[in-house]
Amino acid sequence: MANGQTQVSAFISDSTKDALEQYAEAHGLKKAFLIEEALLHHLQALRELPLDVIIPARLVVSRGSGKAMLERVTKPRRPTKAMRELFGK
C-alpha cells in the first residue's frame, strides 16, 4: 500500500457488489476508486446538507406499515376537494 492509504474491509450485499463491478467495468474504473469517491460524496453530503433532505438508500418498514402502504396503492382514496383544486380537476 502507498503512504497515506488504509485498507478497509466491509460486508456488502451481492446485488451491491454486482452493481459496483458492472459500473466499474462499463466505465473503465477501479472498484477502489469508485468506493472512495462514493464514500467521500456521501460524507460531504452528510456534512453539508440538512439531515431531513438526505434520502436513505434503503427504507425499512414494519409489516403493519407495509400492509398499509399496499392497501393505499391497491385501493387509493378518493382525492379531496383541495387535491382536485390543486391539480385542476
PDB file of N, CA and C in Angstrom:
ATOM      1  N   MET A   1       0.840  -1.187   0.000  1.00  0.00           N
ATOM      2  CA  MET A   1       0.000   0.000   0.000  1.00  0.00           C
ATOM      3  C   MET A   1       0.884   1.250   0.000  1.00  0.00           C
ATOM      4  N   ALA A   2       0.427   2.236  -0.731  1.00  0.00           N
ATOM      5  CA  ALA A   2       1.149   3.504  -0.770  1.00  0.00           C
ATOM      6  C   ALA A   2       0.948   4.260   0.531  1.00  0.00           C
ATOM      7  N   ASN A   3       1.859   5.180   0.808  1.00  0.00           N
ATOM      8  CA  ASN A   3       1.725   6.006   2.009  1.00  0.00           C
ATOM      9  C   ASN A   3       0.424   6.789   1.954  1.00  0.00           C
ATOM     10  N   GLY A   4      -0.189   6.977   3.124  1.00  0.00           N
ATOM     11  CA  GLY A   4      -1.416   7.755   3.187  1.00  0.00           C
ATOM     12  C   GLY A   4      -2.661   6.981   2.806  1.00  0.00           C
ATOM     13  N   GLN A   5      -2.562   5.673   2.704  1.00  0.00           N
ATOM     14  CA  GLN A   5      -3.723   4.859   2.364  1.00  0.00           C
ATOM     15  C   GLN A   5      -3.908   3.774   3.413  1.00  0.00           C
ATOM     16  N   THR A   6      -5.173   3.447   3.655  1.00  0.00           N
ATOM     17  CA  THR A   6      -5.524   2.396   4.598  1.00  0.00           C
ATOM     18  C   THR A   6      -6.519   1.464   3.935  1.00  0.00           C
ATOM     19  N   GLN A   7      -6.375   0.189   4.150  1.00  0.00           N
ATOM     20  CA  GLN A   7      -7.331  -0.773   3.620  1.00  0.00           C
ATOM     21  C   GLN A   7      -8.481  -0.923   4.599  1.00  0.00           C
ATOM     22  N   VAL A   8      -9.701  -0.922   4.071  1.00  0.00           N
ATOM     23  CA  VAL A   8     -10.902  -1.074   4.878  1.00  0.00           C
ATOM     24  C   VAL A   8     -11.642  -2.301   4.365  1.00  0.00           C
ATOM     25  N   SER A   9     -12.180  -3.078   5.283  1.00  0.00           N
ATOM     26  CA  SER A   9     -12.935  -4.260   4.906  1.00  0.00           C
ATOM     27  C   SER A   9     -14.377  -4.075   5.333  1.00  0.00           C
ATOM     28  N   ALA A  10     -15.312  -4.460   4.456  1.00  0.00           N
ATOM     29  CA  ALA A  10     -16.740  -4.333   4.783  1.00  0.00           C
ATOM     30  C   ALA A  10     -17.518  -5.415   4.054  1.00  0.00           C
ATOM     31  N   PHE A  11     -18.595  -5.858   4.674  1.00  0.00           N
ATOM     32  CA  PHE A  11     -19.503  -6.791   4.020  1.00  0.00           C
ATOM     33  C   PHE A  11     -20.566  -5.989   3.290  1.00  0.00           C
ATOM     34  N   ILE A  12     -20.830  -6.353   2.028  1.00  0.00           N
ATOM     35  CA  ILE A  12     -21.873  -5.709   1.241  1.00  0.00           C
ATOM     36  C   ILE A  12     -22.732  -6.799   0.602  1.00  0.00           C
ATOM     37  N   SER A  13     -23.926  -6.424   0.191  1.00  0.00           N
ATOM     38  CA  SER A  13     -24.820  -7.403  -0.416  1.00  0.00           C
ATOM     39  C   SER A  13     -24.294  -7.831  -1.784  1.00  0.00           C
ATOM     40  N   ASP A  14     -24.723  -8.995  -2.213  1.00  0.00           N
ATOM     41  CA  ASP A  14     -24.330  -9.488  -3.540  1.00  0.00           C
ATOM     42  C   ASP A  14     -24.795  -8.538  -4.634  1.00  0.00           C
ATOM     43  N   SER A  15     -25.991  -7.966  -4.469  1.00  0.00           N
ATOM     44  CA  SER A  15     -26.507  -7.066  -5.505  1.00  0.00           C
ATOM     45  C   SER A  15     -25.678  -5.779  -5.582  1.00  0.00           C
ATOM     46  N   THR A  16     -25.207  -5.278  -4.436  1.00  0.00           N
ATOM     47  CA  THR A  16     -24.356  -4.085  -4.444  1.00  0.00           C
ATOM     48  C   THR A  16     -23.017  -4.405  -5.099  1.00  0.00           C
ATOM     49  N   LYS A  17     -22.461  -5.559  -4.777  1.00  0.00           N
ATOM     50  CA  LYS A  17     -21.194  -5.987  -5.387  1.00  0.00           C
ATOM     51  C   LYS A  17     -21.340  -6.097  -6.900  1.00  0.00           C
ATOM     52  N   ASP A  18     -22.439  -6.702  -7.357  1.00  0.00           N
ATOM     53  CA  ASP A  18     -22.668  -6.843  -8.797  1.00  0.00           C
ATOM     54  C   ASP A  18     -22.792  -5.482  -9.468  1.00  0.00           C
ATOM     55  N   ALA A  19     -23.535  -4.566  -8.839  1.00  0.00           N
ATOM     56  CA  ALA A  19     -23.708  -3.230  -9.410  1.00  0.00           C
ATOM     57  C   ALA A  19     -22.369  -2.491  -9.478  1.00  0.00           C
ATOM     58  N   LEU A  20     -21.558  -2.608  -8.430  1.00  0.00           N
ATOM     59  CA  LEU A  20     -20.238  -1.979  -8.396  1.00  0.00           C
ATOM     60  C   LEU A  20     -19.362  -2.521  -9.519  1.00  0.00           C
ATOM     61  N   GLU A  21     -19.325  -3.835  -9.653  1.00  0.00           N
ATOM     62  CA  GLU A  21     -18.484  -4.451 -10.683  1.00  0.00           C
ATOM     63  C   GLU A  21     -18.947  -4.073 -12.085  1.00  0.00           C
ATOM     64  N   GLN A  22     -20.247  -4.066 -12.321  1.00  0.00           N
ATOM     65  CA  GLN A  22     -20.775  -3.703 -13.636  1.00  0.00           C
ATOM     66  C   GLN A  22     -20.445  -2.257 -13.983  1.00  0.00           C
ATOM     67  N   TYR A  23     -20.633  -1.347 -13.014  1.00  0.00           N
ATOM     68  CA  TYR A  23     -20.347   0.065 -13.270  1.00  0.00           C
ATOM     69  C   TYR A  23     -18.859   0.278 -13.522  1.00  0.00           C
ATOM     70  N   ALA A  24     -18.027  -0.333 -12.681  1.00  0.00           N
ATOM     71  CA  ALA A  24     -16.576  -0.178 -12.834  1.00  0.00           C
ATOM     72  C   ALA A  24     -16.122  -0.668 -14.205  1.00  0.00           C
ATOM     73  N   GLU A  25     -16.613  -1.823 -14.599  1.00  0.00           N
ATOM     74  CA  GLU A  25     -16.213  -2.379 -15.899  1.00  0.00           C
ATOM     75  C   GLU A  25     -16.720  -1.520 -17.053  1.00  0.00           C
ATOM     76  N   ALA A  26     -17.965  -1.083 -16.967  1.00  0.00           N
ATOM     77  CA  ALA A  26     -18.559  -0.293 -18.054  1.00  0.00           C
ATOM     78  C   ALA A  26     -17.865   1.052 -18.239  1.00  0.00           C
ATOM     79  N   HIS A  27     -17.303   1.585 -17.161  1.00  0.00           N
ATOM     80  CA  HIS A  27     -16.690   2.913 -17.242  1.00  0.00           C
ATOM     81  C   HIS A  27     -15.170   2.883 -17.134  1.00  0.00           C
ATOM     82  N   GLY A  28     -14.600   1.694 -17.095  1.00  0.00           N
ATOM     83  CA  GLY A  28     -13.141   1.561 -17.051  1.00  0.00           C
ATOM     84  C   GLY A  28     -12.522   2.121 -15.780  1.00  0.00           C
ATOM     85  N   LEU A  29     -13.211   1.941 -14.666  1.00  0.00           N
ATOM     86  CA  LEU A  29     -12.726   2.469 -13.396  1.00  0.00           C
ATOM     87  C   LEU A  29     -12.364   1.339 -12.450  1.00  0.00           C
ATOM     88  N   LYS A  30     -11.477   1.629 -11.522  1.00  0.00           N
ATOM     89  CA  LYS A  30     -11.124   0.668 -10.475  1.00  0.00           C
ATOM     90  C   LYS A  30     -12.206   0.705  -9.398  1.00  0.00           C
ATOM     91  N   LYS A  31     -12.521  -0.455  -8.842  1.00  0.00           N
ATOM     92  CA  LYS A  31     -13.537  -0.518  -7.785  1.00  0.00           C
ATOM     93  C   LYS A  31     -13.124   0.317  -6.574  1.00  0.00           C
ATOM     94  N   ALA A  32     -11.853   0.292  -6.216  1.00  0.00           N
ATOM     95  CA  ALA A  32     -11.380   1.065  -5.061  1.00  0.00           C
ATOM     96  C   ALA A  32     -11.625   2.560  -5.275  1.00  0.00           C
ATOM     97  N   PHE A  33     -11.411   3.032  -6.487  1.00  0.00           N
ATOM     98  CA  PHE A  33     -11.653   4.443  -6.801  1.00  0.00           C
ATOM     99  C   PHE A  33     -13.131   4.785  -6.627  1.00  0.00           C
ATOM    100  N   LEU A  34     -14.006   3.933  -7.177  1.00  0.00           N
ATOM    101  CA  LEU A  34     -15.440   4.174  -7.057  1.00  0.00           C
ATOM    102  C   LEU A  34     -15.905   4.179  -5.607  1.00  0.00           C
ATOM    103  N   ILE A  35     -15.393   3.244  -4.826  1.00  0.00           N
ATOM    104  CA  ILE A  35     -15.786   3.160  -3.421  1.00  0.00           C
ATOM    105  C   ILE A  35     -15.343   4.407  -2.667  1.00  0.00           C
ATOM    106  N   GLU A  36     -14.104   4.838  -2.879  1.00  0.00           N
ATOM    107  CA  GLU A  36     -13.633   6.036  -2.186  1.00  0.00           C
ATOM    108  C   GLU A  36     -14.415   7.267  -2.619  1.00  0.00           C
ATOM    109  N   GLU A  37     -14.672   7.414  -3.909  1.00  0.00           N
ATOM    110  CA  GLU A  37     -15.453   8.562  -4.389  1.00  0.00           C
ATOM    111  C   GLU A  37     -16.856   8.563  -3.801  1.00  0.00           C
ATOM    112  N   ALA A  38     -17.499   7.397  -3.771  1.00  0.00           N
ATOM    113  CA  ALA A  38     -18.854   7.306  -3.221  1.00  0.00           C
ATOM    114  C   ALA A  38     -18.857   7.649  -1.738  1.00  0.00           C
ATOM    115  N   LEU A  39     -17.880   7.147  -1.005  1.00  0.00           N
ATOM    116  CA  LEU A  39     -17.798   7.427   0.422  1.00  0.00           C
ATOM    117  C   LEU A  39     -17.542   8.912   0.678  1.00  0.00           C
ATOM    118  N   LEU A  40     -16.631   9.499  -0.066  1.00  0.00           N
ATOM    119  CA  LEU A  40     -16.370  10.932   0.073  1.00  0.00           C
ATOM    120  C   LEU A  40     -17.607  11.764  -0.251  1.00  0.00           C
ATOM    121  N   HIS A  41     -18.294  11.388  -1.313  1.00  0.00           N
ATOM    122  CA  HIS A  41     -19.518  12.090  -1.719  1.00  0.00           C
ATOM    123  C   HIS A  41     -20.571  12.007  -0.614  1.00  0.00           C
ATOM    124  N   HIS A  42     -20.760  10.830  -0.075  1.00  0.00           N
ATOM    125  CA  HIS A  42     -21.757  10.631   0.976  1.00  0.00           C
ATOM    126  C   HIS A  42     -21.392  11.416   2.239  1.00  0.00           C
ATOM    127  N   LEU A  43     -20.138  11.359   2.642  1.00  0.00           N
ATOM    128  CA  LEU A  43     -19.718  12.083   3.839  1.00  0.00           C
ATOM    129  C   LEU A  43     -19.843  13.589   3.654  1.00  0.00           C
ATOM    130  N   GLN A  44     -19.540  14.082   2.465  1.00  0.00           N
ATOM    131  CA  GLN A  44     -19.702  15.506   2.187  1.00  0.00           C
ATOM    132  C   GLN A  44     -21.176  15.903   2.273  1.00  0.00           C
ATOM    133  N   ALA A  45     -22.059  15.076   1.719  1.00  0.00           N
ATOM    134  CA  ALA A  45     -23.495  15.360   1.790  1.00  0.00           C
ATOM    135  C   ALA A  45     -23.960  15.388   3.246  1.00  0.00           C
ATOM    136  N   LEU A  46     -23.487  14.461   4.054  1.00  0.00           N
ATOM    137  CA  LEU A  46     -23.870  14.433   5.465  1.00  0.00           C
ATOM    138  C   LEU A  46     -23.392  15.672   6.212  1.00  0.00           C
ATOM    139  N   ARG A  47     -22.225  16.195   5.818  1.00  0.00           N
ATOM    140  CA  ARG A  47     -21.697  17.402   6.460  1.00  0.00           C
ATOM    141  C   ARG A  47     -22.440  18.654   6.020  1.00  0.00           C
ATOM    142  N   GLU A  48     -22.802  18.735   4.748  1.00  0.00           N
ATOM    143  CA  GLU A  48     -23.275  19.988   4.176  1.00  0.00           C
ATOM    144  C   GLU A  48     -24.786  20.120   4.034  1.00  0.00           C
ATOM    145  N   LEU A  49     -25.500  19.019   4.044  1.00  0.00           N
ATOM    146  CA  LEU A  49     -26.949  19.083   3.839  1.00  0.00           C
ATOM    147  C   LEU A  49     -27.688  18.834   5.141  1.00  0.00           C
ATOM    148  N   PRO A  50     -28.858  19.462   5.286  1.00  0.00           N
ATOM    149  CA  PRO A  50     -29.673  19.148   6.466  1.00  0.00           C
ATOM    150  C   PRO A  50     -30.089  17.671   6.416  1.00  0.00           C
ATOM    151  N   LEU A  51     -30.121  17.038   7.572  1.00  0.00           N
ATOM    152  CA  LEU A  51     -30.426  15.606   7.620  1.00  0.00           C
ATOM    153  C   LEU A  51     -31.788  15.273   7.028  1.00  0.00           C
ATOM    154  N   ASP A  52     -32.734  16.210   7.081  1.00  0.00           N
ATOM    155  CA  ASP A  52     -34.070  15.897   6.569  1.00  0.00           C
ATOM    156  C   ASP A  52     -34.138  15.851   5.045  1.00  0.00           C
ATOM    157  N   VAL A  53     -33.074  16.244   4.344  1.00  0.00           N
ATOM    158  CA  VAL A  53     -33.087  16.133   2.885  1.00  0.00           C
ATOM    159  C   VAL A  53     -32.263  14.953   2.387  1.00  0.00           C
ATOM    160  N   ILE A  54     -31.599  14.253   3.296  1.00  0.00           N
ATOM    161  CA  ILE A  54     -30.839  13.063   2.923  1.00  0.00           C
ATOM    162  C   ILE A  54     -31.826  11.907   2.787  1.00  0.00           C
ATOM    163  N   ILE A  55     -31.878  11.316   1.616  1.00  0.00           N
ATOM    164  CA  ILE A  55     -32.785  10.200   1.367  1.00  0.00           C
ATOM    165  C   ILE A  55     -32.005   8.899   1.545  1.00  0.00           C
ATOM    166  N   PRO A  56     -32.412   8.077   2.500  1.00  0.00           N
ATOM    167  CA  PRO A  56     -31.676   6.825   2.710  1.00  0.00           C
ATOM    168  C   PRO A  56     -31.768   5.902   1.495  1.00  0.00           C
ATOM    169  N   ALA A  57     -30.710   5.129   1.278  1.00  0.00           N
ATOM    170  CA  ALA A  57     -30.697   4.192   0.158  1.00  0.00           C
ATOM    171  C   ALA A  57     -31.703   3.066   0.365  1.00  0.00           C
ATOM    172  N   ARG A  58     -31.991   2.768   1.620  1.00  0.00           N
ATOM    173  CA  ARG A  58     -32.949   1.708   1.944  1.00  0.00           C
ATOM    174  C   ARG A  58     -33.924   2.221   2.986  1.00  0.00           C
ATOM    175  N   LEU A  59     -35.172   1.854   2.810  1.00  0.00           N
ATOM    176  CA  LEU A  59     -36.192   2.159   3.807  1.00  0.00           C
ATOM    177  C   LEU A  59     -36.674   0.841   4.394  1.00  0.00           C
ATOM    178  N   VAL A  60     -36.722   0.774   5.693  1.00  0.00           N
ATOM    179  CA  VAL A  60     -37.196  -0.429   6.364  1.00  0.00           C
ATOM    180  C   VAL A  60     -38.527  -0.089   7.028  1.00  0.00           C
ATOM    181  N   VAL A  61     -39.542  -0.852   6.704  1.00  0.00           N
ATOM    182  CA  VAL A  61     -40.865  -0.616   7.277  1.00  0.00           C
ATOM    183  C   VAL A  61     -41.323  -1.867   8.012  1.00  0.00           C
ATOM    184  N   SER A  62     -42.191  -1.651   8.972  1.00  0.00           N
ATOM    185  CA  SER A  62     -42.744  -2.781   9.709  1.00  0.00           C
ATOM    186  C   SER A  62     -43.744  -3.520   8.824  1.00  0.00           C
ATOM    187  N   ARG A  63     -44.112  -4.705   9.226  1.00  0.00           N
ATOM    188  CA  ARG A  63     -45.113  -5.478   8.483  1.00  0.00           C
ATOM    189  C   ARG A  63     -46.422  -4.692   8.396  1.00  0.00           C
ATOM    190  N   GLY A  64     -46.805  -4.063   9.498  1.00  0.00           N
ATOM    191  CA  GLY A  64     -48.047  -3.285   9.514  1.00  0.00           C
ATOM    192  C   GLY A  64     -48.000  -2.099   8.569  1.00  0.00           C
ATOM    193  N   SER A  65     -46.875  -1.384   8.571  1.00  0.00           N
ATOM    194  CA  SER A  65     -46.721  -0.249   7.658  1.00  0.00           C
ATOM    195  C   SER A  65     -46.716  -0.710   6.204  1.00  0.00           C
ATOM    196  N   GLY A  66     -46.078  -1.839   5.948  1.00  0.00           N
ATOM    197  CA  GLY A  66     -46.055  -2.379   4.593  1.00  0.00           C
ATOM    198  C   GLY A  66     -47.447  -2.737   4.111  1.00  0.00           C
ATOM    199  N   LYS A  67     -48.246  -3.337   4.987  1.00  0.00           N
ATOM    200  CA  LYS A  67     -49.625  -3.678   4.623  1.00  0.00           C
ATOM    201  C   LYS A  67     -50.438  -2.419   4.361  1.00  0.00           C
ATOM    202  N   ALA A  68     -50.231  -1.388   5.178  1.00  0.00           N
ATOM    203  CA  ALA A  68     -50.957  -0.124   4.990  1.00  0.00           C
ATOM    204  C   ALA A  68     -50.577   0.523   3.661  1.00  0.00           C
ATOM    205  N   MET A  69     -49.291   0.482   3.288  1.00  0.00           N
ATOM    206  CA  MET A  69     -48.860   1.052   2.003  1.00  0.00           C
ATOM    207  C   MET A  69     -49.461   0.271   0.839  1.00  0.00           C
ATOM    208  N   LEU A  70     -49.463  -1.055   0.953  1.00  0.00           N
ATOM    209  CA  LEU A  70     -50.047  -1.878  -0.099  1.00  0.00           C
ATOM    210  C   LEU A  70     -51.532  -1.565  -0.267  1.00  0.00           C
ATOM    211  N   GLU A  71     -52.219  -1.386   0.836  1.00  0.00           N
ATOM    212  CA  GLU A  71     -53.646  -1.046   0.806  1.00  0.00           C
ATOM    213  C   GLU A  71     -53.865   0.287   0.087  1.00  0.00           C
ATOM    214  N   ARG A  72     -53.017   1.273   0.374  1.00  0.00           N
ATOM    215  CA  ARG A  72     -53.146   2.589  -0.265  1.00  0.00           C
ATOM    216  C   ARG A  72     -52.902   2.511  -1.773  1.00  0.00           C
ATOM    217  N   VAL A  73     -51.971   1.659  -2.173  1.00  0.00           N
ATOM    218  CA  VAL A  73     -51.652   1.538  -3.598  1.00  0.00           C
ATOM    219  C   VAL A  73     -52.744   0.777  -4.336  1.00  0.00           C
ATOM    220  N   THR A  74     -53.221  -0.305  -3.736  1.00  0.00           N
ATOM    221  CA  THR A  74     -54.217  -1.131  -4.427  1.00  0.00           C
ATOM    222  C   THR A  74     -55.632  -0.570  -4.321  1.00  0.00           C
ATOM    223  N   LYS A  75     -55.897   0.203  -3.268  1.00  0.00           N
ATOM    224  CA  LYS A  75     -57.219   0.802  -3.077  1.00  0.00           C
ATOM    225  C   LYS A  75     -57.051   2.271  -2.695  1.00  0.00           C
ATOM    226  N   PRO A  76     -56.680   3.107  -3.669  1.00  0.00           N
ATOM    227  CA  PRO A  76     -56.418   4.512  -3.335  1.00  0.00           C
ATOM    228  C   PRO A  76     -57.688   5.230  -2.877  1.00  0.00           C
ATOM    229  N   ARG A  77     -57.502   6.197  -2.008  1.00  0.00           N
ATOM    230  CA  ARG A  77     -58.614   7.009  -1.537  1.00  0.00           C
ATOM    231  C   ARG A  77     -59.026   7.996  -2.616  1.00  0.00           C
ATOM    232  N   ARG A  78     -60.263   8.446  -2.539  1.00  0.00           N
ATOM    233  CA  ARG A  78     -60.719   9.488  -3.464  1.00  0.00           C
ATOM    234  C   ARG A  78     -59.978  10.784  -3.139  1.00  0.00           C
ATOM    235  N   PRO A  79     -59.641  11.567  -4.152  1.00  0.00           N
ATOM    236  CA  PRO A  79     -58.949  12.829  -3.879  1.00  0.00           C
ATOM    237  C   PRO A  79     -59.868  13.805  -3.126  1.00  0.00           C
ATOM    238  N   THR A  80     -59.272  14.565  -2.234  1.00  0.00           N
ATOM    239  CA  THR A  80     -60.035  15.566  -1.503  1.00  0.00           C
ATOM    240  C   THR A  80     -60.328  16.750  -2.428  1.00  0.00           C
ATOM    241  N   LYS A  81     -61.224  17.631  -1.983  1.00  0.00           N
ATOM    242  CA  LYS A  81     -61.552  18.822  -2.773  1.00  0.00           C
ATOM    243  C   LYS A  81     -60.291  19.658  -3.001  1.00  0.00           C
ATOM    244  N   ALA A  82     -59.474  19.807  -1.951  1.00  0.00           N
ATOM    245  CA  ALA A  82     -58.238  20.584  -2.072  1.00  0.00           C
ATOM    246  C   ALA A  82     -57.292  19.972  -3.107  1.00  0.00           C
ATOM    247  N   MET A  83     -57.212  18.647  -3.144  1.00  0.00           N
ATOM    248  CA  MET A  83     -56.347  17.987  -4.132  1.00  0.00           C
ATOM    249  C   MET A  83     -56.887  18.199  -5.542  1.00  0.00           C
ATOM    250  N   ARG A  84     -58.195  18.096  -5.705  1.00  0.00           N
ATOM    251  CA  ARG A  84     -58.782  18.302  -7.042  1.00  0.00           C
ATOM    252  C   ARG A  84     -58.523  19.726  -7.519  1.00  0.00           C
ATOM    253  N   GLU A  85     -58.649  20.702  -6.612  1.00  0.00           N
ATOM    254  CA  GLU A  85     -58.399  22.090  -6.975  1.00  0.00           C
ATOM    255  C   GLU A  85     -56.920  22.290  -7.327  1.00  0.00           C
ATOM    256  N   LEU A  86     -56.051  21.674  -6.557  1.00  0.00           N
ATOM    257  CA  LEU A  86     -54.616  21.793  -6.793  1.00  0.00           C
ATOM    258  C   LEU A  86     -54.243  21.266  -8.170  1.00  0.00           C
ATOM    259  N   PHE A  87     -54.816  20.142  -8.554  1.00  0.00           N
ATOM    260  CA  PHE A  87     -54.476  19.509  -9.838  1.00  0.00           C
ATOM    261  C   PHE A  87     -55.426  19.920 -10.951  1.00  0.00           C
ATOM    262  N   GLY A  88     -56.326  20.864 -10.681  1.00  0.00           N
ATOM    263  CA  GLY A  88     -57.218  21.401 -11.705  1.00  0.00           C
ATOM    264  C   GLY A  88     -58.232  20.408 -12.219  1.00  0.00           C
ATOM    265  N   LYS A  89     -58.758  19.561 -11.338  1.00  0.00           N
ATOM    266  CA  LYS A  89     -59.747  18.569 -11.767  1.00  0.00           C
ATOM    267  C   LYS A  89     -61.050  18.767 -11.058  1.00  0.00           C
TER     268      LYS A  89
END
